[in-house]
Amino acid sequence: MSERAAPFHCPYCGDEDLRPGEQGHGAWECAACNRAFQLKFLGLLARGVQRNDGGGDEI
């Protein structure tokens, strides 16, 4: 992966005035509502993508 992904909106107030937080990787601060939050990638789901087409011809 390249640079870290930046959120576009605050999850609390929806404002776009976000700055990287001092707490480290994934931490962000919202200047509009004065809240700090952290983003973290948890991983991929084990079930993946499933097809639900039945395999037959549709009329």
PDB file of N, CA and C in Angstrom:
ATOM      1  N   MET A   1       0.815  -1.185   0.000  1.00  0.00           N
ATOM      2  CA  MET A   1       0.000   0.000   0.000  1.00  0.00           C
ATOM      3  C   MET A   1       0.858   1.246   0.000  1.00  0.00           C
ATOM      4  N   SER A   2       0.314   2.280  -0.551  1.00  0.00           N
ATOM      5  CA  SER A   2       1.042   3.541  -0.566  1.00  0.00           C
ATOM      6  C   SER A   2       0.707   4.347   0.684  1.00  0.00           C
ATOM      7  N   GLU A   3       0.449   5.615   0.524  1.00  0.00           N
ATOM      8  CA  GLU A   3       0.136   6.476   1.657  1.00  0.00           C
ATOM      9  C   GLU A   3      -1.136   6.020   2.360  1.00  0.00           C
ATOM     10  N   ARG A   4      -1.287   6.438   3.606  1.00  0.00           N
ATOM     11  CA  ARG A   4      -2.489   6.061   4.338  1.00  0.00           C
ATOM     12  C   ARG A   4      -3.707   6.764   3.744  1.00  0.00           C
ATOM     13  N   ALA A   5      -4.821   6.101   3.818  1.00  0.00           N
ATOM     14  CA  ALA A   5      -6.060   6.659   3.287  1.00  0.00           C
ATOM     15  C   ALA A   5      -6.612   7.684   4.267  1.00  0.00           C
ATOM     16  N   ALA A   6      -7.094   8.777   3.741  1.00  0.00           N
ATOM     17  CA  ALA A   6      -7.628   9.849   4.576  1.00  0.00           C
ATOM     18  C   ALA A   6      -9.150   9.850   4.517  1.00  0.00           C
ATOM     19  N   PRO A   7      -9.817   9.993   5.658  1.00  0.00           N
ATOM     20  CA  PRO A   7     -11.275  10.099   5.636  1.00  0.00           C
ATOM     21  C   PRO A   7     -11.692  11.440   5.036  1.00  0.00           C
ATOM     22  N   PHE A   8     -12.843  11.480   4.411  1.00  0.00           N
ATOM     23  CA  PHE A   8     -13.332  12.703   3.787  1.00  0.00           C
ATOM     24  C   PHE A   8     -14.242  13.506   4.712  1.00  0.00           C
ATOM     25  N   HIS A   9     -14.902  12.812   5.652  1.00  0.00           N
ATOM     26  CA  HIS A   9     -15.856  13.465   6.548  1.00  0.00           C
ATOM     27  C   HIS A   9     -15.698  12.925   7.966  1.00  0.00           C
ATOM     28  N   CYS A  10     -16.011  13.754   8.938  1.00  0.00           N
ATOM     29  CA  CYS A  10     -16.024  13.328  10.336  1.00  0.00           C
ATOM     30  C   CYS A  10     -17.198  12.361  10.535  1.00  0.00           C
ATOM     31  N   PRO A  11     -16.987  11.212  11.194  1.00  0.00           N
ATOM     32  CA  PRO A  11     -18.091  10.268  11.410  1.00  0.00           C
ATOM     33  C   PRO A  11     -19.123  10.774  12.426  1.00  0.00           C
ATOM     34  N   TYR A  12     -18.815  11.834  13.145  1.00  0.00           N
ATOM     35  CA  TYR A  12     -19.733  12.359  14.159  1.00  0.00           C
ATOM     36  C   TYR A  12     -20.571  13.523  13.651  1.00  0.00           C
ATOM     37  N   CYS A  13     -19.930  14.497  13.002  1.00  0.00           N
ATOM     38  CA  CYS A  13     -20.669  15.694  12.580  1.00  0.00           C
ATOM     39  C   CYS A  13     -20.743  15.844  11.063  1.00  0.00           C
ATOM     40  N   GLY A  14     -19.939  15.102  10.307  1.00  0.00           N
ATOM     41  CA  GLY A  14     -19.966  15.163   8.857  1.00  0.00           C
ATOM     42  C   GLY A  14     -19.130  16.275   8.254  1.00  0.00           C
ATOM     43  N   ASP A  15     -18.450  17.054   9.064  1.00  0.00           N
ATOM     44  CA  ASP A  15     -17.645  18.155   8.554  1.00  0.00           C
ATOM     45  C   ASP A  15     -16.384  17.623   7.863  1.00  0.00           C
ATOM     46  N   GLU A  16     -15.805  18.440   7.005  1.00  0.00           N
ATOM     47  CA  GLU A  16     -14.627  18.038   6.237  1.00  0.00           C
ATOM     48  C   GLU A  16     -13.320  18.613   6.794  1.00  0.00           C
ATOM     49  N   ASP A  17     -13.363  19.340   7.891  1.00  0.00           N
ATOM     50  CA  ASP A  17     -12.163  19.970   8.453  1.00  0.00           C
ATOM     51  C   ASP A  17     -11.427  18.984   9.360  1.00  0.00           C
ATOM     52  N   LEU A  18     -10.747  18.011   8.749  1.00  0.00           N
ATOM     53  CA  LEU A  18     -10.037  16.964   9.494  1.00  0.00           C
ATOM     54  C   LEU A  18      -8.541  17.146   9.379  1.00  0.00           C
ATOM     55  N   ARG A  19      -7.853  16.808  10.461  1.00  0.00           N
ATOM     56  CA  ARG A  19      -6.391  16.877  10.491  1.00  0.00           C
ATOM     57  C   ARG A  19      -5.847  15.603  11.123  1.00  0.00           C
ATOM     58  N   PRO A  20      -4.669  15.140  10.686  1.00  0.00           N
ATOM     59  CA  PRO A  20      -4.079  13.965  11.341  1.00  0.00           C
ATOM     60  C   PRO A  20      -3.864  14.214  12.824  1.00  0.00           C
ATOM     61  N   GLY A  21      -4.187  13.220  13.645  1.00  0.00           N
ATOM     62  CA  GLY A  21      -4.040  13.357  15.090  1.00  0.00           C
ATOM     63  C   GLY A  21      -2.633  13.063  15.554  1.00  0.00           C
ATOM     64  N   GLU A  22      -2.350  13.476  16.767  1.00  0.00           N
ATOM     65  CA  GLU A  22      -1.015  13.273  17.351  1.00  0.00           C
ATOM     66  C   GLU A  22      -0.840  11.882  17.940  1.00  0.00           C
ATOM     67  N   GLN A  23      -1.909  11.108  18.029  1.00  0.00           N
ATOM     68  CA  GLN A  23      -1.848   9.794  18.663  1.00  0.00           C
ATOM     69  C   GLN A  23      -1.197   8.734  17.787  1.00  0.00           C
ATOM     70  N   GLY A  24      -0.936   9.043  16.525  1.00  0.00           N
ATOM     71  CA  GLY A  24      -0.242   8.096  15.658  1.00  0.00           C
ATOM     72  C   GLY A  24      -1.056   7.721  14.441  1.00  0.00           C
ATOM     73  N   HIS A  25      -0.666   6.615  13.822  1.00  0.00           N
ATOM     74  CA  HIS A  25      -1.259   6.160  12.564  1.00  0.00           C
ATOM     75  C   HIS A  25      -2.765   5.905  12.712  1.00  0.00           C
ATOM     76  N   GLY A  26      -3.542   6.486  11.826  1.00  0.00           N
ATOM     77  CA  GLY A  26      -4.984   6.278  11.812  1.00  0.00           C
ATOM     78  C   GLY A  26      -5.771   7.222  12.697  1.00  0.00           C
ATOM     79  N   ALA A  27      -5.103   8.105  13.437  1.00  0.00           N
ATOM     80  CA  ALA A  27      -5.786   9.036  14.331  1.00  0.00           C
ATOM     81  C   ALA A  27      -6.094  10.333  13.596  1.00  0.00           C
ATOM     82  N   TRP A  28      -7.306  10.845  13.771  1.00  0.00           N
ATOM     83  CA  TRP A  28      -7.749  12.070  13.122  1.00  0.00           C
ATOM     84  C   TRP A  28      -8.468  12.951  14.119  1.00  0.00           C
ATOM     85  N   GLU A  29      -8.387  14.260  13.889  1.00  0.00           N
ATOM     86  CA  GLU A  29      -9.064  15.238  14.740  1.00  0.00           C
ATOM     87  C   GLU A  29      -9.977  16.091  13.879  1.00  0.00           C
ATOM     88  N   CYS A  30     -11.188  16.341  14.375  1.00  0.00           N
ATOM     89  CA  CYS A  30     -12.147  17.186  13.671  1.00  0.00           C
ATOM     90  C   CYS A  30     -12.174  18.546  14.352  1.00  0.00           C
ATOM     91  N   ALA A  31     -11.867  19.594  13.595  1.00  0.00           N
ATOM     92  CA  ALA A  31     -11.843  20.943  14.157  1.00  0.00           C
ATOM     93  C   ALA A  31     -13.253  21.485  14.375  1.00  0.00           C
ATOM     94  N   ALA A  32     -14.235  20.958  13.646  1.00  0.00           N
ATOM     95  CA  ALA A  32     -15.601  21.470  13.756  1.00  0.00           C
ATOM     96  C   ALA A  32     -16.278  21.032  15.062  1.00  0.00           C
ATOM     97  N   CYS A  33     -16.163  19.748  15.422  1.00  0.00           N
ATOM     98  CA  CYS A  33     -16.843  19.258  16.633  1.00  0.00           C
ATOM     99  C   CYS A  33     -15.864  18.954  17.765  1.00  0.00           C
ATOM    100  N   ASN A  34     -14.565  19.185  17.514  1.00  0.00           N
ATOM    101  CA  ASN A  34     -13.528  19.011  18.540  1.00  0.00           C
ATOM    102  C   ASN A  34     -13.447  17.569  19.057  1.00  0.00           C
ATOM    103  N   ARG A  35     -13.643  16.603  18.155  1.00  0.00           N
ATOM    104  CA  ARG A  35     -13.547  15.194  18.528  1.00  0.00           C
ATOM    105  C   ARG A  35     -12.356  14.562  17.837  1.00  0.00           C
ATOM    106  N   ALA A  36     -11.819  13.531  18.462  1.00  0.00           N
ATOM    107  CA  ALA A  36     -10.735  12.744  17.882  1.00  0.00           C
ATOM    108  C   ALA A  36     -11.241  11.320  17.672  1.00  0.00           C
ATOM    109  N   PHE A  37     -10.831  10.711  16.571  1.00  0.00           N
ATOM    110  CA  PHE A  37     -11.239   9.337  16.295  1.00  0.00           C
ATOM    111  C   PHE A  37     -10.105   8.626  15.585  1.00  0.00           C
ATOM    112  N   GLN A  38     -10.203   7.302  15.507  1.00  0.00           N
ATOM    113  CA  GLN A  38      -9.150   6.504  14.891  1.00  0.00           C
ATOM    114  C   GLN A  38      -9.766   5.522  13.901  1.00  0.00           C
ATOM    115  N   LEU A  39      -9.136   5.398  12.741  1.00  0.00           N
ATOM    116  CA  LEU A  39      -9.561   4.454  11.713  1.00  0.00           C
ATOM    117  C   LEU A  39      -8.619   3.269  11.716  1.00  0.00           C
ATOM    118  N   LYS A  40      -9.192   2.071  11.547  1.00  0.00           N
ATOM    119  CA  LYS A  40      -8.372   0.871  11.565  1.00  0.00           C
ATOM    120  C   LYS A  40      -8.971  -0.161  10.611  1.00  0.00           C
ATOM    121  N   PHE A  41      -8.138  -0.707   9.725  1.00  0.00           N
ATOM    122  CA  PHE A  41      -8.553  -1.777   8.826  1.00  0.00           C
ATOM    123  C   PHE A  41      -8.513  -3.086   9.604  1.00  0.00           C
ATOM    124  N   LEU A  42      -9.635  -3.799   9.665  1.00  0.00           N
ATOM    125  CA  LEU A  42      -9.696  -5.032  10.436  1.00  0.00           C
ATOM    126  C   LEU A  42      -9.318  -6.270   9.634  1.00  0.00           C
ATOM    127  N   GLY A  43      -9.553  -6.272   8.333  1.00  0.00           N
ATOM    128  CA  GLY A  43      -9.208  -7.423   7.510  1.00  0.00           C
ATOM    129  C   GLY A  43     -10.314  -7.739   6.520  1.00  0.00           C
ATOM    130  N   LEU A  44     -10.105  -8.778   5.746  1.00  0.00           N
ATOM    131  CA  LEU A  44     -11.084  -9.201   4.752  1.00  0.00           C
ATOM    132  C   LEU A  44     -12.031 -10.228   5.363  1.00  0.00           C
ATOM    133  N   LEU A  45     -13.267 -10.240   4.888  1.00  0.00           N
ATOM    134  CA  LEU A  45     -14.235 -11.217   5.357  1.00  0.00           C
ATOM    135  C   LEU A  45     -13.931 -12.583   4.753  1.00  0.00           C
ATOM    136  N   ALA A  46     -14.096 -13.621   5.521  1.00  0.00           N
ATOM    137  CA  ALA A  46     -13.767 -14.969   5.071  1.00  0.00           C
ATOM    138  C   ALA A  46     -14.719 -15.463   3.997  1.00  0.00           C
ATOM    139  N   ARG A  47     -15.970 -15.021   4.007  1.00  0.00           N
ATOM    140  CA  ARG A  47     -16.953 -15.556   3.065  1.00  0.00           C
ATOM    141  C   ARG A  47     -16.732 -15.069   1.635  1.00  0.00           C
ATOM    142  N   GLY A  48     -16.064 -13.948   1.445  1.00  0.00           N
ATOM    143  CA  GLY A  48     -15.782 -13.445   0.106  1.00  0.00           C
ATOM    144  C   GLY A  48     -17.040 -13.077  -0.658  1.00  0.00           C
ATOM    145  N   VAL A  49     -16.954 -13.121  -1.976  1.00  0.00           N
ATOM    146  CA  VAL A  49     -18.086 -12.790  -2.831  1.00  0.00           C
ATOM    147  C   VAL A  49     -18.780 -14.078  -3.234  1.00  0.00           C
ATOM    148  N   GLN A  50     -20.103 -14.118  -3.080  1.00  0.00           N
ATOM    149  CA  GLN A  50     -20.865 -15.301  -3.428  1.00  0.00           C
ATOM    150  C   GLN A  50     -21.818 -14.993  -4.571  1.00  0.00           C
ATOM    151  N   ARG A  51     -21.914 -15.920  -5.525  1.00  0.00           N
ATOM    152  CA  ARG A  51     -22.852 -15.777  -6.636  1.00  0.00           C
ATOM    153  C   ARG A  51     -24.197 -16.357  -6.232  1.00  0.00           C
ATOM    154  N   ASN A  52     -25.270 -15.711  -6.654  1.00  0.00           N
ATOM    155  CA  ASN A  52     -26.604 -16.187  -6.323  1.00  0.00           C
ATOM    156  C   ASN A  52     -27.469 -16.174  -7.581  1.00  0.00           C
ATOM    157  N   ASP A  53     -26.961 -16.785  -8.663  1.00  0.00           N
ATOM    158  CA  ASP A  53     -27.706 -16.755  -9.913  1.00  0.00           C
ATOM    159  C   ASP A  53     -28.426 -18.068 -10.202  1.00  0.00           C
ATOM    160  N   GLY A  54     -28.216 -19.107  -9.439  1.00  0.00           N
ATOM    161  CA  GLY A  54     -28.913 -20.370  -9.636  1.00  0.00           C
ATOM    162  C   GLY A  54     -28.379 -21.223 -10.776  1.00  0.00           C
ATOM    163  N   GLY A  55     -27.610 -20.627 -11.659  1.00  0.00           N
ATOM    164  CA  GLY A  55     -27.000 -21.387 -12.728  1.00  0.00           C
ATOM    165  C   GLY A  55     -27.903 -21.696 -13.905  1.00  0.00           C
ATOM    166  N   GLY A  56     -29.173 -21.285 -13.862  1.00  0.00           N
ATOM    167  CA  GLY A  56     -30.087 -21.585 -14.954  1.00  0.00           C
ATOM    168  C   GLY A  56     -30.312 -20.394 -15.865  1.00  0.00           C
ATOM    169  N   ASP A  57     -31.026 -20.673 -16.966  1.00  0.00           N
ATOM    170  CA  ASP A  57     -31.371 -19.600 -17.908  1.00  0.00           C
ATOM    171  C   ASP A  57     -32.591 -18.845 -17.399  1.00  0.00           C
ATOM    172  N   GLU A  58     -32.531 -17.538 -17.477  1.00  0.00           N
ATOM    173  CA  GLU A  58     -33.674 -16.713 -17.081  1.00  0.00           C
ATOM    174  C   GLU A  58     -34.530 -16.426 -18.292  1.00  0.00           C
ATOM    175  N   ILE A  59     -35.824 -16.362 -18.082  1.00  0.00           N
ATOM    176  CA  ILE A  59     -36.767 -16.070 -19.171  1.00  0.00           C
ATOM    177  C   ILE A  59     -37.222 -14.641 -19.096  1.00  0.00           C
TER     178      ILE A  59
END
